[in-house]
Amino acid sequence: MRRKIIMAKKRRIFAWSPLRALMKSAGAEIVSREAVESLLFYLEDRAKKLTEMSLKFAKHAKRKKITKDDMGLAIEYYH
């Protein structure tokens, strides 16, 4: 049984065309709309979670501004 990814209709943060071009530059000659949408959904979700974690690091350091180091820590935490 195939698992279907359900994506809510919402305004996208990342542009569709550049992501499709990126997939093609990675060697995917033919890319379906659904494949691009799935990757968009994943990247937007990951970016949101990394930003939330970065904000926690910034707040812990008593700052409002997220720094490169905060984002680096968040990325390390998720990998």
N, C-alpha and C. Protein backbone atom coordinates (compact mmCIF):
# COMPACT_ATOMS: atom_id res chain seq x y z
N MET A 1 0.84 -1.18 0.00
CA MET A 1 0.00 0.00 0.00
C MET A 1 0.89 1.24 0.00
N ARG A 2 0.63 2.14 -0.90
CA ARG A 2 1.43 3.36 -0.99
C ARG A 2 0.95 4.37 0.04
N ARG A 3 1.92 5.02 0.63
CA ARG A 3 1.61 6.04 1.63
C ARG A 3 1.47 7.39 0.92
N LYS A 4 0.38 8.06 1.15
CA LYS A 4 0.12 9.33 0.49
C LYS A 4 0.45 10.47 1.44
N ILE A 5 1.22 11.43 0.94
CA ILE A 5 1.57 12.60 1.74
C ILE A 5 0.46 13.63 1.57
N ILE A 6 -0.11 14.04 2.69
CA ILE A 6 -1.17 15.04 2.66
C ILE A 6 -0.55 16.39 2.98
N MET A 7 -0.71 17.31 2.06
CA MET A 7 -0.15 18.64 2.25
C MET A 7 -1.28 19.67 2.23
N ALA A 8 -1.33 20.49 3.24
CA ALA A 8 -2.35 21.53 3.30
C ALA A 8 -2.03 22.60 2.27
N LYS A 9 -3.09 23.15 1.68
CA LYS A 9 -2.91 24.24 0.74
C LYS A 9 -2.56 25.49 1.53
N LYS A 10 -1.40 26.05 1.23
CA LYS A 10 -0.98 27.28 1.88
C LYS A 10 -0.01 28.00 0.99
N ARG A 11 0.24 29.21 1.31
CA ARG A 11 1.19 30.00 0.55
C ARG A 11 2.59 29.46 0.83
N ARG A 12 3.32 29.15 -0.21
CA ARG A 12 4.65 28.60 -0.07
C ARG A 12 5.67 29.70 0.20
N ILE A 13 6.66 29.37 1.01
CA ILE A 13 7.75 30.28 1.31
C ILE A 13 8.82 30.18 0.22
N PHE A 14 9.17 28.95 -0.13
CA PHE A 14 10.18 28.72 -1.16
C PHE A 14 9.50 28.69 -2.52
N ALA A 15 10.20 29.20 -3.52
CA ALA A 15 9.66 29.21 -4.88
C ALA A 15 9.79 27.82 -5.50
N TRP A 16 8.79 27.45 -6.26
CA TRP A 16 8.70 26.13 -6.86
C TRP A 16 9.74 25.93 -7.97
N SER A 17 9.85 26.89 -8.88
CA SER A 17 10.72 26.73 -10.05
C SER A 17 12.20 26.57 -9.70
N PRO A 18 12.77 27.40 -8.81
CA PRO A 18 14.18 27.21 -8.48
C PRO A 18 14.46 25.85 -7.82
N LEU A 19 13.51 25.36 -7.03
CA LEU A 19 13.71 24.06 -6.40
C LEU A 19 13.68 22.96 -7.45
N ARG A 20 12.78 23.08 -8.40
CA ARG A 20 12.73 22.11 -9.50
C ARG A 20 14.03 22.14 -10.29
N ALA A 21 14.56 23.33 -10.54
CA ALA A 21 15.83 23.47 -11.26
C ALA A 21 16.97 22.84 -10.45
N LEU A 22 16.93 23.00 -9.14
CA LEU A 22 17.94 22.39 -8.28
C LEU A 22 17.89 20.86 -8.38
N MET A 23 16.68 20.31 -8.37
CA MET A 23 16.53 18.86 -8.50
C MET A 23 17.08 18.38 -9.84
N LYS A 24 16.81 19.15 -10.90
CA LYS A 24 17.32 18.78 -12.22
C LYS A 24 18.84 18.86 -12.26
N SER A 25 19.40 19.88 -11.60
CA SER A 25 20.87 20.02 -11.60
C SER A 25 21.53 18.89 -10.82
N ALA A 26 20.76 18.23 -9.95
CA ALA A 26 21.28 17.09 -9.19
C ALA A 26 21.15 15.79 -9.97
N GLY A 27 20.63 15.90 -11.21
CA GLY A 27 20.58 14.73 -12.07
C GLY A 27 19.20 14.19 -12.39
N ALA A 28 18.16 14.75 -11.78
CA ALA A 28 16.80 14.29 -12.06
C ALA A 28 16.32 14.94 -13.36
N GLU A 29 16.29 14.17 -14.43
CA GLU A 29 15.92 14.72 -15.74
C GLU A 29 14.44 15.09 -15.80
N ILE A 30 13.60 14.23 -15.26
CA ILE A 30 12.16 14.48 -15.27
C ILE A 30 11.70 14.51 -13.82
N VAL A 31 11.04 15.60 -13.43
CA VAL A 31 10.61 15.78 -12.05
C VAL A 31 9.11 16.09 -12.04
N SER A 32 8.35 15.30 -11.29
CA SER A 32 6.91 15.54 -11.22
C SER A 32 6.60 16.70 -10.28
N ARG A 33 5.46 17.30 -10.49
CA ARG A 33 4.99 18.38 -9.63
C ARG A 33 4.87 17.90 -8.19
N GLU A 34 4.39 16.68 -8.02
CA GLU A 34 4.21 16.12 -6.68
C GLU A 34 5.55 15.94 -5.97
N ALA A 35 6.58 15.57 -6.72
CA ALA A 35 7.91 15.40 -6.12
C ALA A 35 8.44 16.74 -5.62
N VAL A 36 8.26 17.78 -6.42
CA VAL A 36 8.70 19.12 -6.02
C VAL A 36 7.91 19.58 -4.80
N GLU A 37 6.60 19.37 -4.81
CA GLU A 37 5.75 19.76 -3.68
C GLU A 37 6.16 19.02 -2.40
N SER A 38 6.49 17.75 -2.51
CA SER A 38 6.92 16.98 -1.34
C SER A 38 8.21 17.54 -0.76
N LEU A 39 9.15 17.86 -1.63
CA LEU A 39 10.41 18.44 -1.17
C LEU A 39 10.19 19.83 -0.57
N LEU A 40 9.32 20.63 -1.18
CA LEU A 40 8.99 21.95 -0.63
C LEU A 40 8.42 21.82 0.77
N PHE A 41 7.49 20.90 0.95
CA PHE A 41 6.85 20.68 2.24
C PHE A 41 7.90 20.30 3.29
N TYR A 42 8.79 19.39 2.93
CA TYR A 42 9.84 18.94 3.84
C TYR A 42 10.78 20.09 4.21
N LEU A 43 11.26 20.82 3.21
CA LEU A 43 12.22 21.91 3.46
C LEU A 43 11.62 23.03 4.30
N GLU A 44 10.36 23.38 4.03
CA GLU A 44 9.71 24.43 4.82
C GLU A 44 9.52 23.98 6.26
N ASP A 45 9.15 22.73 6.45
CA ASP A 45 8.97 22.21 7.81
C ASP A 45 10.31 22.20 8.55
N ARG A 46 11.36 21.73 7.89
CA ARG A 46 12.68 21.68 8.51
C ARG A 46 13.19 23.09 8.84
N ALA A 47 13.01 24.03 7.92
CA ALA A 47 13.46 25.41 8.14
C ALA A 47 12.73 26.03 9.33
N LYS A 48 11.45 25.75 9.45
CA LYS A 48 10.68 26.28 10.58
C LYS A 48 11.20 25.70 11.90
N LYS A 49 11.43 24.40 11.94
CA LYS A 49 11.91 23.76 13.16
C LYS A 49 13.31 24.25 13.54
N LEU A 50 14.19 24.42 12.55
CA LEU A 50 15.53 24.93 12.82
C LEU A 50 15.48 26.37 13.34
N THR A 51 14.59 27.16 12.79
CA THR A 51 14.45 28.54 13.26
C THR A 51 13.93 28.58 14.69
N GLU A 52 12.96 27.74 14.99
CA GLU A 52 12.43 27.68 16.36
C GLU A 52 13.52 27.27 17.35
N MET A 53 14.33 26.28 16.98
CA MET A 53 15.42 25.84 17.85
C MET A 53 16.47 26.94 17.99
N SER A 54 16.80 27.61 16.90
CA SER A 54 17.76 28.72 16.94
C SER A 54 17.29 29.82 17.87
N LEU A 55 16.00 30.10 17.83
CA LEU A 55 15.43 31.13 18.69
C LEU A 55 15.57 30.74 20.16
N LYS A 56 15.41 29.47 20.46
CA LYS A 56 15.60 29.00 21.84
C LYS A 56 17.03 29.23 22.30
N PHE A 57 18.00 28.96 21.42
CA PHE A 57 19.40 29.21 21.77
C PHE A 57 19.65 30.70 21.97
N ALA A 58 19.08 31.54 21.13
CA ALA A 58 19.25 32.99 21.26
C ALA A 58 18.64 33.48 22.57
N LYS A 59 17.44 33.01 22.88
CA LYS A 59 16.78 33.43 24.13
C LYS A 59 17.57 32.96 25.35
N HIS A 60 18.13 31.77 25.26
CA HIS A 60 18.94 31.27 26.37
C HIS A 60 20.14 32.19 26.61
N ALA A 61 20.67 32.77 25.54
CA ALA A 61 21.80 33.70 25.64
C ALA A 61 21.33 35.13 25.89
N LYS A 62 20.02 35.28 26.18
CA LYS A 62 19.41 36.58 26.46
C LYS A 62 19.53 37.54 25.28
N ARG A 63 19.30 37.01 24.09
CA ARG A 63 19.31 37.80 22.87
C ARG A 63 18.01 37.60 22.12
N LYS A 64 17.64 38.60 21.31
CA LYS A 64 16.48 38.48 20.43
C LYS A 64 16.91 38.08 19.02
N LYS A 65 18.14 38.41 18.69
CA LYS A 65 18.66 38.17 17.35
C LYS A 65 19.25 36.77 17.23
N ILE A 66 18.81 36.05 16.20
CA ILE A 66 19.37 34.73 15.91
C ILE A 66 20.68 34.92 15.15
N THR A 67 21.73 34.30 15.64
CA THR A 67 23.05 34.42 15.00
C THR A 67 23.37 33.17 14.19
N LYS A 68 24.45 33.26 13.45
CA LYS A 68 24.95 32.12 12.68
C LYS A 68 25.27 30.96 13.63
N ASP A 69 25.83 31.27 14.79
CA ASP A 69 26.16 30.23 15.77
C ASP A 69 24.90 29.53 16.29
N ASP A 70 23.83 30.31 16.52
CA ASP A 70 22.56 29.71 16.97
C ASP A 70 22.05 28.72 15.93
N MET A 71 22.09 29.14 14.66
CA MET A 71 21.62 28.27 13.59
C MET A 71 22.52 27.04 13.48
N GLY A 72 23.82 27.24 13.64
CA GLY A 72 24.76 26.11 13.59
C GLY A 72 24.47 25.09 14.68
N LEU A 73 24.18 25.58 15.88
CA LEU A 73 23.84 24.68 16.98
C LEU A 73 22.54 23.92 16.69
N ALA A 74 21.56 24.63 16.14
CA ALA A 74 20.29 23.99 15.80
C ALA A 74 20.49 22.90 14.74
N ILE A 75 21.31 23.19 13.76
CA ILE A 75 21.59 22.20 12.71
C ILE A 75 22.30 20.99 13.29
N GLU A 76 23.27 21.21 14.16
CA GLU A 76 23.96 20.10 14.83
C GLU A 76 22.99 19.26 15.64
N TYR A 77 22.08 19.93 16.34
CA TYR A 77 21.10 19.25 17.18
C TYR A 77 20.21 18.32 16.36
N TYR A 78 19.82 18.74 15.18
CA TYR A 78 18.94 17.93 14.33
C TYR A 78 19.68 16.87 13.52
N HIS A 79 20.99 16.93 13.48
CA HIS A 79 21.74 15.92 12.73
C HIS A 79 22.40 15.04 13.72
